[in-house]
């Protein structure tokens, strides 16, 4: 994944919102491409101010970084990137379920050890 310049100075220097121009510059793409990706990927929802200007959060930028990696670096089509992101989201959900199960097993084993 592309190393994001927002992290160069550490988390304490992060801004709350970034403009579309700043985001486009980070990824070295046009603003219109950022807007296109926003329309193509439902999970990417930047905030909009009262004038309708997009304001991207750090989470939005991380989402764009994933899109950038899939489309620009790994050569996925838009549809292929959508499927890969869905697969990754499903994997994250499954991983969380397994972590929960393993935590319960660990607690059960601790209980058995305490009984002895």
PDB file of N, CA and C in Angstrom:
ATOM      1  N   UNK A   1       0.833  -1.189   0.000  1.00  0.00           N
ATOM      2  CA  UNK A   1       0.000   0.000   0.000  1.00  0.00           C
ATOM      3  C   UNK A   1       0.870   1.242   0.000  1.00  0.00           C
ATOM      4  N   UNK A   2       0.334   2.265  -0.553  1.00  0.00           N
ATOM      5  CA  UNK A   2       1.027   3.552  -0.614  1.00  0.00           C
ATOM      6  C   UNK A   2       1.196   4.115   0.798  1.00  0.00           C
ATOM      7  N   UNK A   3       2.416   4.536   1.133  1.00  0.00           N
ATOM      8  CA  UNK A   3       2.658   5.172   2.430  1.00  0.00           C
ATOM      9  C   UNK A   3       2.023   6.553   2.398  1.00  0.00           C
ATOM     10  N   UNK A   4       1.071   6.775   3.266  1.00  0.00           N
ATOM     11  CA  UNK A   4       0.325   8.028   3.255  1.00  0.00           C
ATOM     12  C   UNK A   4       1.108   9.139   3.936  1.00  0.00           C
ATOM     13  N   UNK A   5       1.218  10.298   3.286  1.00  0.00           N
ATOM     14  CA  UNK A   5       1.955  11.413   3.884  1.00  0.00           C
ATOM     15  C   UNK A   5       1.310  11.954   5.150  1.00  0.00           C
ATOM     16  N   UNK A   6       0.032  11.655   5.369  1.00  0.00           N
ATOM     17  CA  UNK A   6      -0.621  12.166   6.585  1.00  0.00           C
ATOM     18  C   UNK A   6      -0.006  11.562   7.841  1.00  0.00           C
ATOM     19  N   UNK A   7       0.669  10.420   7.713  1.00  0.00           N
ATOM     20  CA  UNK A   7       1.255   9.758   8.879  1.00  0.00           C
ATOM     21  C   UNK A   7       2.722  10.118   9.106  1.00  0.00           C
ATOM     22  N   UNK A   8       3.307  10.931   8.242  1.00  0.00           N
ATOM     23  CA  UNK A   8       4.736  11.247   8.344  1.00  0.00           C
ATOM     24  C   UNK A   8       5.102  11.919   9.661  1.00  0.00           C
ATOM     25  N   UNK A   9       4.251  12.794  10.163  1.00  0.00           N
ATOM     26  CA  UNK A   9       4.563  13.549  11.381  1.00  0.00           C
ATOM     27  C   UNK A   9       3.928  12.935  12.621  1.00  0.00           C
ATOM     28  N   UNK A  10       3.315  11.786  12.476  1.00  0.00           N
ATOM     29  CA  UNK A  10       2.689  11.122  13.616  1.00  0.00           C
ATOM     30  C   UNK A  10       1.212  11.428  13.707  1.00  0.00           C
ATOM     31  N   UNK A  11       0.529  10.615  14.481  1.00  0.00           N
ATOM     32  CA  UNK A  11      -0.927  10.733  14.601  1.00  0.00           C
ATOM     33  C   UNK A  11      -1.390  12.045  15.233  1.00  0.00           C
ATOM     34  N   UNK A  12      -0.569  12.626  16.103  1.00  0.00           N
ATOM     35  CA  UNK A  12      -0.996  13.860  16.776  1.00  0.00           C
ATOM     36  C   UNK A  12      -1.101  15.041  15.816  1.00  0.00           C
ATOM     37  N   UNK A  13      -0.465  14.963  14.659  1.00  0.00           N
ATOM     38  CA  UNK A  13      -0.513  16.073  13.709  1.00  0.00           C
ATOM     39  C   UNK A  13      -1.594  15.891  12.639  1.00  0.00           C
ATOM     40  N   UNK A  14      -2.409  14.836  12.767  1.00  0.00           N
ATOM     41  CA  UNK A  14      -3.449  14.603  11.770  1.00  0.00           C
ATOM     42  C   UNK A  14      -4.527  15.681  11.851  1.00  0.00           C
ATOM     43  N   UNK A  15      -5.003  16.072  10.688  1.00  0.00           N
ATOM     44  CA  UNK A  15      -6.112  17.012  10.629  1.00  0.00           C
ATOM     45  C   UNK A  15      -7.411  16.226  10.733  1.00  0.00           C
ATOM     46  N   UNK A  16      -8.466  16.908  11.094  1.00  0.00           N
ATOM     47  CA  UNK A  16      -9.766  16.229  11.170  1.00  0.00           C
ATOM     48  C   UNK A  16     -10.317  15.962   9.778  1.00  0.00           C
ATOM     49  N   UNK A  17     -10.175  16.933   8.884  1.00  0.00           N
ATOM     50  CA  UNK A  17     -10.679  16.801   7.519  1.00  0.00           C
ATOM     51  C   UNK A  17      -9.633  17.261   6.518  1.00  0.00           C
ATOM     52  N   UNK A  18      -9.663  16.634   5.336  1.00  0.00           N
ATOM     53  CA  UNK A  18      -8.788  17.004   4.229  1.00  0.00           C
ATOM     54  C   UNK A  18      -9.665  17.321   3.021  1.00  0.00           C
ATOM     55  N   UNK A  19      -9.261  18.321   2.257  1.00  0.00           N
ATOM     56  CA  UNK A  19     -10.029  18.699   1.065  1.00  0.00           C
ATOM     57  C   UNK A  19      -9.774  17.696  -0.053  1.00  0.00           C
ATOM     58  N   UNK A  20     -10.629  17.727  -1.062  1.00  0.00           N
ATOM     59  CA  UNK A  20     -10.458  16.823  -2.194  1.00  0.00           C
ATOM     60  C   UNK A  20      -9.136  17.115  -2.921  1.00  0.00           C
ATOM     61  N   UNK A  21      -8.731  18.387  -2.932  1.00  0.00           N
ATOM     62  CA  UNK A  21      -7.454  18.738  -3.552  1.00  0.00           C
ATOM     63  C   UNK A  21      -6.273  18.117  -2.822  1.00  0.00           C
ATOM     64  N   UNK A  22      -6.319  18.164  -1.489  1.00  0.00           N
ATOM     65  CA  UNK A  22      -5.248  17.561  -0.694  1.00  0.00           C
ATOM     66  C   UNK A  22      -5.202  16.049  -0.904  1.00  0.00           C
ATOM     67  N   UNK A  23      -6.375  15.440  -0.958  1.00  0.00           N
ATOM     68  CA  UNK A  23      -6.448  13.989  -1.137  1.00  0.00           C
ATOM     69  C   UNK A  23      -5.939  13.595  -2.515  1.00  0.00           C
ATOM     70  N   UNK A  24      -6.375  14.323  -3.532  1.00  0.00           N
ATOM     71  CA  UNK A  24      -5.919  14.027  -4.901  1.00  0.00           C
ATOM     72  C   UNK A  24      -4.402  14.153  -4.997  1.00  0.00           C
ATOM     73  N   UNK A  25      -3.852  15.154  -4.340  1.00  0.00           N
ATOM     74  CA  UNK A  25      -2.403  15.349  -4.346  1.00  0.00           C
ATOM     75  C   UNK A  25      -1.684  14.193  -3.653  1.00  0.00           C
ATOM     76  N   UNK A  26      -2.241  13.710  -2.520  1.00  0.00           N
ATOM     77  CA  UNK A  26      -1.636  12.583  -1.800  1.00  0.00           C
ATOM     78  C   UNK A  26      -1.473  11.357  -2.700  1.00  0.00           C
ATOM     79  N   UNK A  27      -2.488  11.109  -3.521  1.00  0.00           N
ATOM     80  CA  UNK A  27      -2.492   9.914  -4.361  1.00  0.00           C
ATOM     81  C   UNK A  27      -1.990  10.187  -5.782  1.00  0.00           C
ATOM     82  N   UNK A  28      -1.657  11.440  -6.034  1.00  0.00           N
ATOM     83  CA  UNK A  28      -1.181  11.850  -7.357  1.00  0.00           C
ATOM     84  C   UNK A  28      -2.168  11.448  -8.451  1.00  0.00           C
ATOM     85  N   UNK A  29      -3.460  11.768  -8.181  1.00  0.00           N
ATOM     86  CA  UNK A  29      -4.533  11.528  -9.141  1.00  0.00           C
ATOM     87  C   UNK A  29      -5.344  12.813  -9.258  1.00  0.00           C
ATOM     88  N   UNK A  30      -6.249  12.845 -10.220  1.00  0.00           N
ATOM     89  CA  UNK A  30      -7.084  14.039 -10.395  1.00  0.00           C
ATOM     90  C   UNK A  30      -8.245  14.034  -9.405  1.00  0.00           C
ATOM     91  N   UNK A  31      -8.776  15.207  -9.150  1.00  0.00           N
ATOM     92  CA  UNK A  31      -9.943  15.328  -8.284  1.00  0.00           C
ATOM     93  C   UNK A  31     -11.122  14.565  -8.883  1.00  0.00           C
ATOM     94  N   UNK A  32     -11.225  14.596 -10.205  1.00  0.00           N
ATOM     95  CA  UNK A  32     -12.345  13.896 -10.843  1.00  0.00           C
ATOM     96  C   UNK A  32     -12.251  12.387 -10.619  1.00  0.00           C
ATOM     97  N   UNK A  33     -11.045  11.840 -10.541  1.00  0.00           N
ATOM     98  CA  UNK A  33     -10.899  10.413 -10.266  1.00  0.00           C
ATOM     99  C   UNK A  33     -11.339  10.104  -8.829  1.00  0.00           C
ATOM    100  N   UNK A  34     -11.004  10.974  -7.900  1.00  0.00           N
ATOM    101  CA  UNK A  34     -11.444  10.788  -6.509  1.00  0.00           C
ATOM    102  C   UNK A  34     -12.970  10.813  -6.453  1.00  0.00           C
ATOM    103  N   UNK A  35     -13.599  11.763  -7.150  1.00  0.00           N
ATOM    104  CA  UNK A  35     -15.061  11.827  -7.194  1.00  0.00           C
ATOM    105  C   UNK A  35     -15.645  10.577  -7.851  1.00  0.00           C
ATOM    106  N   UNK A  36     -14.998  10.095  -8.910  1.00  0.00           N
ATOM    107  CA  UNK A  36     -15.444   8.873  -9.592  1.00  0.00           C
ATOM    108  C   UNK A  36     -15.410   7.692  -8.636  1.00  0.00           C
ATOM    109  N   UNK A  37     -14.301   7.534  -7.920  1.00  0.00           N
ATOM    110  CA  UNK A  37     -14.193   6.433  -6.960  1.00  0.00           C
ATOM    111  C   UNK A  37     -15.266   6.545  -5.881  1.00  0.00           C
ATOM    112  N   UNK A  38     -15.548   7.766  -5.451  1.00  0.00           N
ATOM    113  CA  UNK A  38     -16.596   7.967  -4.439  1.00  0.00           C
ATOM    114  C   UNK A  38     -17.937   7.441  -4.953  1.00  0.00           C
ATOM    115  N   UNK A  39     -18.221   7.679  -6.225  1.00  0.00           N
ATOM    116  CA  UNK A  39     -19.479   7.213  -6.815  1.00  0.00           C
ATOM    117  C   UNK A  39     -19.496   5.698  -7.032  1.00  0.00           C
ATOM    118  N   UNK A  40     -18.346   5.120  -7.269  1.00  0.00           N
ATOM    119  CA  UNK A  40     -18.268   3.688  -7.583  1.00  0.00           C
ATOM    120  C   UNK A  40     -18.193   2.790  -6.350  1.00  0.00           C
ATOM    121  N   UNK A  41     -17.731   3.304  -5.229  1.00  0.00           N
ATOM    122  CA  UNK A  41     -17.551   2.492  -4.034  1.00  0.00           C
ATOM    123  C   UNK A  41     -18.456   3.036  -2.926  1.00  0.00           C
ATOM    124  N   UNK A  42     -19.503   2.274  -2.623  1.00  0.00           N
ATOM    125  CA  UNK A  42     -20.533   2.715  -1.677  1.00  0.00           C
ATOM    126  C   UNK A  42     -19.996   3.016  -0.286  1.00  0.00           C
ATOM    127  N   UNK A  43     -18.959   2.325   0.139  1.00  0.00           N
ATOM    128  CA  UNK A  43     -18.457   2.507   1.505  1.00  0.00           C
ATOM    129  C   UNK A  43     -17.679   3.809   1.674  1.00  0.00           C
ATOM    130  N   UNK A  44     -17.302   4.449   0.591  1.00  0.00           N
ATOM    131  CA  UNK A  44     -16.549   5.702   0.647  1.00  0.00           C
ATOM    132  C   UNK A  44     -17.533   6.874   0.677  1.00  0.00           C
ATOM    133  N   UNK A  45     -17.710   7.455   1.852  1.00  0.00           N
ATOM    134  CA  UNK A  45     -18.678   8.542   2.035  1.00  0.00           C
ATOM    135  C   UNK A  45     -18.030   9.712   2.768  1.00  0.00           C
ATOM    136  N   UNK A  46     -17.322  10.595   2.051  1.00  0.00           N
ATOM    137  CA  UNK A  46     -16.744  11.757   2.732  1.00  0.00           C
ATOM    138  C   UNK A  46     -17.851  12.700   3.209  1.00  0.00           C
ATOM    139  N   UNK A  47     -17.544  13.438   4.252  1.00  0.00           N
ATOM    140  CA  UNK A  47     -18.479  14.450   4.749  1.00  0.00           C
ATOM    141  C   UNK A  47     -18.539  15.586   3.735  1.00  0.00           C
ATOM    142  N   UNK A  48     -19.647  16.297   3.741  1.00  0.00           N
ATOM    143  CA  UNK A  48     -19.763  17.489   2.897  1.00  0.00           C
ATOM    144  C   UNK A  48     -20.158  18.657   3.786  1.00  0.00           C
ATOM    145  N   UNK A  49     -19.506  19.810   3.551  1.00  0.00           N
ATOM    146  CA  UNK A  49     -19.853  20.988   4.344  1.00  0.00           C
ATOM    147  C   UNK A  49     -21.099  21.645   3.764  1.00  0.00           C
ATOM    148  N   UNK A  50     -21.489  22.768   4.319  1.00  0.00           N
ATOM    149  CA  UNK A  50     -22.728  23.439   3.892  1.00  0.00           C
ATOM    150  C   UNK A  50     -22.676  23.886   2.430  1.00  0.00           C
ATOM    151  N   UNK A  51     -21.469  24.094   1.902  1.00  0.00           N
ATOM    152  CA  UNK A  51     -21.322  24.471   0.489  1.00  0.00           C
ATOM    153  C   UNK A  51     -21.276  23.253  -0.417  1.00  0.00           C
ATOM    154  N   UNK A  52     -21.238  22.055   0.167  1.00  0.00           N
ATOM    155  CA  UNK A  52     -21.178  20.838  -0.640  1.00  0.00           C
ATOM    156  C   UNK A  52     -19.762  20.371  -0.927  1.00  0.00           C
ATOM    157  N   UNK A  53     -18.757  21.045  -0.351  1.00  0.00           N
ATOM    158  CA  UNK A  53     -17.366  20.626  -0.541  1.00  0.00           C
ATOM    159  C   UNK A  53     -17.115  19.344   0.245  1.00  0.00           C
ATOM    160  N   UNK A  54     -16.416  18.418  -0.393  1.00  0.00           N
ATOM    161  CA  UNK A  54     -16.099  17.160   0.271  1.00  0.00           C
ATOM    162  C   UNK A  54     -15.003  17.381   1.309  1.00  0.00           C
ATOM    163  N   UNK A  55     -15.166  16.737   2.448  1.00  0.00           N
ATOM    164  CA  UNK A  55     -14.182  16.766   3.521  1.00  0.00           C
ATOM    165  C   UNK A  55     -13.880  15.330   3.904  1.00  0.00           C
ATOM    166  N   UNK A  56     -12.652  14.911   3.603  1.00  0.00           N
ATOM    167  CA  UNK A  56     -12.252  13.524   3.811  1.00  0.00           C
ATOM    168  C   UNK A  56     -11.619  13.339   5.179  1.00  0.00           C
ATOM    169  N   UNK A  57     -12.076  12.316   5.898  1.00  0.00           N
ATOM    170  CA  UNK A  57     -11.492  11.963   7.190  1.00  0.00           C
ATOM    171  C   UNK A  57     -10.300  11.033   6.951  1.00  0.00           C
ATOM    172  N   UNK A  58      -9.559  10.759   8.008  1.00  0.00           N
ATOM    173  CA  UNK A  58      -8.449   9.810   7.914  1.00  0.00           C
ATOM    174  C   UNK A  58      -8.972   8.445   7.472  1.00  0.00           C
ATOM    175  N   UNK A  59     -10.131   8.043   7.992  1.00  0.00           N
ATOM    176  CA  UNK A  59     -10.719   6.766   7.582  1.00  0.00           C
ATOM    177  C   UNK A  59     -11.026   6.765   6.085  1.00  0.00           C
ATOM    178  N   UNK A  60     -11.574   7.865   5.558  1.00  0.00           N
ATOM    179  CA  UNK A  60     -11.839   7.967   4.121  1.00  0.00           C
ATOM    180  C   UNK A  60     -10.554   7.836   3.325  1.00  0.00           C
ATOM    181  N   UNK A  61      -9.490   8.446   3.813  1.00  0.00           N
ATOM    182  CA  UNK A  61      -8.208   8.392   3.108  1.00  0.00           C
ATOM    183  C   UNK A  61      -7.659   6.971   3.118  1.00  0.00           C
ATOM    184  N   UNK A  62      -7.834   6.260   4.222  1.00  0.00           N
ATOM    185  CA  UNK A  62      -7.413   4.860   4.270  1.00  0.00           C
ATOM    186  C   UNK A  62      -8.241   4.011   3.311  1.00  0.00           C
ATOM    187  N   UNK A  63      -9.529   4.312   3.188  1.00  0.00           N
ATOM    188  CA  UNK A  63     -10.373   3.614   2.225  1.00  0.00           C
ATOM    189  C   UNK A  63      -9.895   3.890   0.798  1.00  0.00           C
ATOM    190  N   UNK A  64      -9.576   5.148   0.521  1.00  0.00           N
ATOM    191  CA  UNK A  64      -9.045   5.503  -0.805  1.00  0.00           C
ATOM    192  C   UNK A  64      -7.714   4.811  -1.065  1.00  0.00           C
ATOM    193  N   UNK A  65      -6.923   4.644  -0.028  1.00  0.00           N
ATOM    194  CA  UNK A  65      -5.638   3.972  -0.178  1.00  0.00           C
ATOM    195  C   UNK A  65      -5.845   2.523  -0.623  1.00  0.00           C
ATOM    196  N   UNK A  66      -6.850   1.863  -0.063  1.00  0.00           N
ATOM    197  CA  UNK A  66      -7.166   0.495  -0.477  1.00  0.00           C
ATOM    198  C   UNK A  66      -7.623   0.471  -1.934  1.00  0.00           C
ATOM    199  N   UNK A  67      -8.505   1.381  -2.295  1.00  0.00           N
ATOM    200  CA  UNK A  67      -8.973   1.469  -3.684  1.00  0.00           C
ATOM    201  C   UNK A  67      -7.791   1.727  -4.615  1.00  0.00           C
ATOM    202  N   UNK A  68      -6.936   2.672  -4.240  1.00  0.00           N
ATOM    203  CA  UNK A  68      -5.760   3.006  -5.047  1.00  0.00           C
ATOM    204  C   UNK A  68      -4.882   1.777  -5.253  1.00  0.00           C
ATOM    205  N   UNK A  69      -4.627   1.054  -4.164  1.00  0.00           N
ATOM    206  CA  UNK A  69      -3.774  -0.130  -4.278  1.00  0.00           C
ATOM    207  C   UNK A  69      -4.379  -1.152  -5.233  1.00  0.00           C
ATOM    208  N   UNK A  70      -5.661  -1.424  -5.081  1.00  0.00           N
ATOM    209  CA  UNK A  70      -6.302  -2.439  -5.917  1.00  0.00           C
ATOM    210  C   UNK A  70      -6.353  -2.030  -7.385  1.00  0.00           C
ATOM    211  N   UNK A  71      -6.759  -0.791  -7.639  1.00  0.00           N
ATOM    212  CA  UNK A  71      -6.974  -0.347  -9.021  1.00  0.00           C
ATOM    213  C   UNK A  71      -5.674   0.070  -9.710  1.00  0.00           C
ATOM    214  N   UNK A  72      -4.898   0.917  -9.047  1.00  0.00           N
ATOM    215  CA  UNK A  72      -3.712   1.481  -9.690  1.00  0.00           C
ATOM    216  C   UNK A  72      -2.483   0.583  -9.585  1.00  0.00           C
ATOM    217  N   UNK A  73      -2.283  -0.043  -8.426  1.00  0.00           N
ATOM    218  CA  UNK A  73      -1.062  -0.817  -8.226  1.00  0.00           C
ATOM    219  C   UNK A  73      -1.220  -2.278  -8.615  1.00  0.00           C
ATOM    220  N   UNK A  74      -2.382  -2.858  -8.344  1.00  0.00           N
ATOM    221  CA  UNK A  74      -2.567  -4.278  -8.611  1.00  0.00           C
ATOM    222  C   UNK A  74      -3.367  -4.543  -9.877  1.00  0.00           C
ATOM    223  N   UNK A  75      -3.878  -3.512 -10.520  1.00  0.00           N
ATOM    224  CA  UNK A  75      -4.520  -3.643 -11.825  1.00  0.00           C
ATOM    225  C   UNK A  75      -5.930  -4.213 -11.819  1.00  0.00           C
ATOM    226  N   UNK A  76      -6.631  -4.124 -10.693  1.00  0.00           N
ATOM    227  CA  UNK A  76      -8.013  -4.595 -10.645  1.00  0.00           C
ATOM    228  C   UNK A  76      -8.904  -3.676 -11.467  1.00  0.00           C
ATOM    229  N   UNK A  77      -9.955  -4.231 -12.045  1.00  0.00           N
ATOM    230  CA  UNK A  77     -11.006  -3.398 -12.624  1.00  0.00           C
ATOM    231  C   UNK A  77     -11.832  -2.849 -11.458  1.00  0.00           C
ATOM    232  N   UNK A  78     -12.696  -1.903 -11.735  1.00  0.00           N
ATOM    233  CA  UNK A  78     -13.552  -1.355 -10.681  1.00  0.00           C
ATOM    234  C   UNK A  78     -14.404  -2.478 -10.080  1.00  0.00           C
ATOM    235  N   UNK A  79     -15.017  -3.281 -10.923  1.00  0.00           N
ATOM    236  CA  UNK A  79     -15.847  -4.384 -10.436  1.00  0.00           C
ATOM    237  C   UNK A  79     -15.010  -5.391  -9.654  1.00  0.00           C
ATOM    238  N   UNK A  80     -13.815  -5.698 -10.139  1.00  0.00           N
ATOM    239  CA  UNK A  80     -12.931  -6.608  -9.421  1.00  0.00           C
ATOM    240  C   UNK A  80     -12.521  -6.050  -8.066  1.00  0.00           C
ATOM    241  N   UNK A  81     -12.267  -4.748  -8.004  1.00  0.00           N
ATOM    242  CA  UNK A  81     -11.910  -4.112  -6.741  1.00  0.00           C
ATOM    243  C   UNK A  81     -13.090  -4.161  -5.774  1.00  0.00           C
ATOM    244  N   UNK A  82     -14.303  -3.939  -6.279  1.00  0.00           N
ATOM    245  CA  UNK A  82     -15.495  -4.035  -5.429  1.00  0.00           C
ATOM    246  C   UNK A  82     -15.601  -5.435  -4.810  1.00  0.00           C
ATOM    247  N   UNK A  83     -15.414  -6.459  -5.653  1.00  0.00           N
ATOM    248  CA  UNK A  83     -15.498  -7.838  -5.158  1.00  0.00           C
ATOM    249  C   UNK A  83     -14.404  -8.124  -4.137  1.00  0.00           C
ATOM    250  N   UNK A  84     -13.192  -7.645  -4.397  1.00  0.00           N
ATOM    251  CA  UNK A  84     -12.079  -7.867  -3.464  1.00  0.00           C
ATOM    252  C   UNK A  84     -12.332  -7.170  -2.139  1.00  0.00           C
ATOM    253  N   UNK A  85     -12.861  -5.960  -2.172  1.00  0.00           N
ATOM    254  CA  UNK A  85     -13.169  -5.239  -0.946  1.00  0.00           C
ATOM    255  C   UNK A  85     -14.262  -5.968  -0.174  1.00  0.00           C
ATOM    256  N   UNK A  86     -15.269  -6.473  -0.875  1.00  0.00           N
ATOM    257  CA  UNK A  86     -16.323  -7.246  -0.211  1.00  0.00           C
ATOM    258  C   UNK A  86     -15.728  -8.498   0.424  1.00  0.00           C
ATOM    259  N   UNK A  87     -14.820  -9.171  -0.294  1.00  0.00           N
ATOM    260  CA  UNK A  87     -14.173 -10.361   0.247  1.00  0.00           C
ATOM    261  C   UNK A  87     -13.364 -10.008   1.495  1.00  0.00           C
ATOM    262  N   UNK A  88     -12.645  -8.895   1.461  1.00  0.00           N
ATOM    263  CA  UNK A  88     -11.867  -8.453   2.621  1.00  0.00           C
ATOM    264  C   UNK A  88     -12.764  -8.107   3.805  1.00  0.00           C
ATOM    265  N   UNK A  89     -13.887  -7.463   3.537  1.00  0.00           N
ATOM    266  CA  UNK A  89     -14.823  -7.123   4.610  1.00  0.00           C
ATOM    267  C   UNK A  89     -15.415  -8.384   5.236  1.00  0.00           C
ATOM    268  N   UNK A  90     -15.744  -9.372   4.390  1.00  0.00           N
ATOM    269  CA  UNK A  90     -16.264 -10.636   4.908  1.00  0.00           C
ATOM    270  C   UNK A  90     -15.201 -11.355   5.730  1.00  0.00           C
ATOM    271  N   UNK A  91     -13.950 -11.299   5.278  1.00  0.00           N
ATOM    272  CA  UNK A  91     -12.860 -11.932   6.015  1.00  0.00           C
ATOM    273  C   UNK A  91     -12.685 -11.259   7.377  1.00  0.00           C
ATOM    274  N   UNK A  92     -12.768  -9.934   7.427  1.00  0.00           N
ATOM    275  CA  UNK A  92     -12.650  -9.215   8.694  1.00  0.00           C
ATOM    276  C   UNK A  92     -13.756  -9.643   9.661  1.00  0.00           C
ATOM    277  N   UNK A  93     -14.969  -9.761   9.147  1.00  0.00           N
ATOM    278  CA  UNK A  93     -16.094 -10.183   9.980  1.00  0.00           C
ATOM    279  C   UNK A  93     -15.861 -11.603  10.502  1.00  0.00           C
ATOM    280  N   UNK A  94     -15.441 -12.495   9.615  1.00  0.00           N
ATOM    281  CA  UNK A  94     -15.169 -13.879  10.005  1.00  0.00           C
ATOM    282  C   UNK A  94     -14.030 -13.940  11.022  1.00  0.00           C
ATOM    283  N   UNK A  95     -13.004 -13.128  10.806  1.00  0.00           N
ATOM    284  CA  UNK A  95     -11.870 -13.092  11.730  1.00  0.00           C
ATOM    285  C   UNK A  95     -12.328 -12.663  13.121  1.00  0.00           C
ATOM    286  N   UNK A  96     -13.185 -11.641  13.185  1.00  0.00           N
ATOM    287  CA  UNK A  96     -13.709 -11.179  14.477  1.00  0.00           C
ATOM    288  C   UNK A  96     -14.491 -12.290  15.172  1.00  0.00           C
ATOM    289  N   UNK A  97     -15.273 -13.045  14.394  1.00  0.00           N
ATOM    290  CA  UNK A  97     -16.036 -14.157  14.974  1.00  0.00           C
ATOM    291  C   UNK A  97     -15.094 -15.211  15.553  1.00  0.00           C
ATOM    292  N   UNK A  98     -14.028 -15.536  14.813  1.00  0.00           N
ATOM    293  CA  UNK A  98     -13.064 -16.531  15.295  1.00  0.00           C
ATOM    294  C   UNK A  98     -12.324 -16.035  16.536  1.00  0.00           C
ATOM    295  N   UNK A  99     -11.993 -14.777  16.560  1.00  0.00           N
ATOM    296  CA  UNK A  99     -11.321 -14.216  17.736  1.00  0.00           C
ATOM    297  C   UNK A  99     -12.228 -14.334  18.955  1.00  0.00           C
ATOM    298  N   UNK A 100     -13.522 -14.058  18.768  1.00  0.00           N
ATOM    299  CA  UNK A 100     -14.477 -14.205  19.854  1.00  0.00           C
ATOM    300  C   UNK A 100     -14.574 -15.647  20.329  1.00  0.00           C
ATOM    301  N   UNK A 101     -14.651 -16.572  19.383  1.00  0.00           N
ATOM    302  CA  UNK A 101     -14.726 -17.993  19.734  1.00  0.00           C
ATOM    303  C   UNK A 101     -13.482 -18.434  20.495  1.00  0.00           C
ATOM    304  N   UNK A 102     -12.330 -18.040  19.998  1.00  0.00           N
ATOM    305  CA  UNK A 102     -11.075 -18.429  20.652  1.00  0.00           C
ATOM    306  C   UNK A 102     -10.975 -17.821  22.050  1.00  0.00           C
ATOM    307  N   UNK A 103     -11.488 -16.610  22.214  1.00  0.00           N
ATOM    308  CA  UNK A 103     -11.499 -15.992  23.539  1.00  0.00           C
ATOM    309  C   UNK A 103     -12.351 -16.786  24.516  1.00  0.00           C
ATOM    310  N   UNK A 104     -13.504 -17.258  24.028  1.00  0.00           N
ATOM    311  CA  UNK A 104     -14.372 -18.074  24.884  1.00  0.00           C
ATOM    312  C   UNK A 104     -13.708 -19.411  25.228  1.00  0.00           C
ATOM    313  N   UNK A 105     -13.022 -20.020  24.261  1.00  0.00           N
ATOM    314  CA  UNK A 105     -12.305 -21.266  24.523  1.00  0.00           C
ATOM    315  C   UNK A 105     -11.217 -21.025  25.568  1.00  0.00           C
ATOM    316  N   UNK A 106     -10.480 -19.926  25.434  1.00  0.00           N
ATOM    317  CA  UNK A 106      -9.422 -19.608  26.395  1.00  0.00           C
ATOM    318  C   UNK A 106      -9.995 -19.454  27.798  1.00  0.00           C
ATOM    319  N   UNK A 107     -11.113 -18.742  27.899  1.00  0.00           N
ATOM    320  CA  UNK A 107     -11.743 -18.559  29.211  1.00  0.00           C
ATOM    321  C   UNK A 107     -12.201 -19.901  29.780  1.00  0.00           C
ATOM    322  N   UNK A 108     -12.727 -20.766  28.919  1.00  0.00           N
ATOM    323  CA  UNK A 108     -13.137 -22.099  29.367  1.00  0.00           C
ATOM    324  C   UNK A 108     -11.955 -22.907  29.874  1.00  0.00           C
ATOM    325  N   UNK A 109     -10.828 -22.818  29.157  1.00  0.00           N
ATOM    326  CA  UNK A 109      -9.620 -23.542  29.589  1.00  0.00           C
ATOM    327  C   UNK A 109      -9.089 -22.991  30.894  1.00  0.00           C
ATOM    328  N   UNK A 110      -9.146 -21.677  31.060  1.00  0.00           N
ATOM    329  CA  UNK A 110      -8.714 -21.076  32.323  1.00  0.00           C
ATOM    330  C   UNK A 110      -9.581 -21.574  33.472  1.00  0.00           C
ATOM    331  N   UNK A 111     -10.880 -21.673  33.212  1.00  0.00           N
ATOM    332  CA  UNK A 111     -11.792 -22.180  34.232  1.00  0.00           C
ATOM    333  C   UNK A 111     -11.469 -23.608  34.605  1.00  0.00           C
ATOM    334  N   UNK A 112     -11.121 -24.423  33.615  1.00  0.00           N
ATOM    335  CA  UNK A 112     -10.748 -25.814  33.895  1.00  0.00           C
ATOM    336  C   UNK A 112      -9.461 -25.896  34.708  1.00  0.00           C
ATOM    337  N   UNK A 113      -8.513 -25.030  34.380  1.00  0.00           N
ATOM    338  CA  UNK A 113      -7.235 -25.033  35.105  1.00  0.00           C
ATOM    339  C   UNK A 113      -7.441 -24.619  36.565  1.00  0.00           C
ATOM    340  N   UNK A 114      -8.354 -23.683  36.791  1.00  0.00           N
ATOM    341  CA  UNK A 114      -8.614 -23.208  38.154  1.00  0.00           C
ATOM    342  C   UNK A 114      -9.319 -24.277  38.991  1.00  0.00           C
ATOM    343  N   UNK A 115     -10.075 -25.160  38.332  1.00  0.00           N
ATOM    344  CA  UNK A 115     -10.774 -26.223  39.043  1.00  0.00           C
ATOM    345  C   UNK A 115      -9.808 -27.273  39.596  1.00  0.00           C
ATOM    346  N   UNK A 116      -8.674 -27.426  38.960  1.00  0.00           N
ATOM    347  CA  UNK A 116      -7.716 -28.471  39.382  1.00  0.00           C
ATOM    348  C   UNK A 116      -6.971 -28.117  40.595  1.00  0.00           C
TER     349      UNK A 116
END
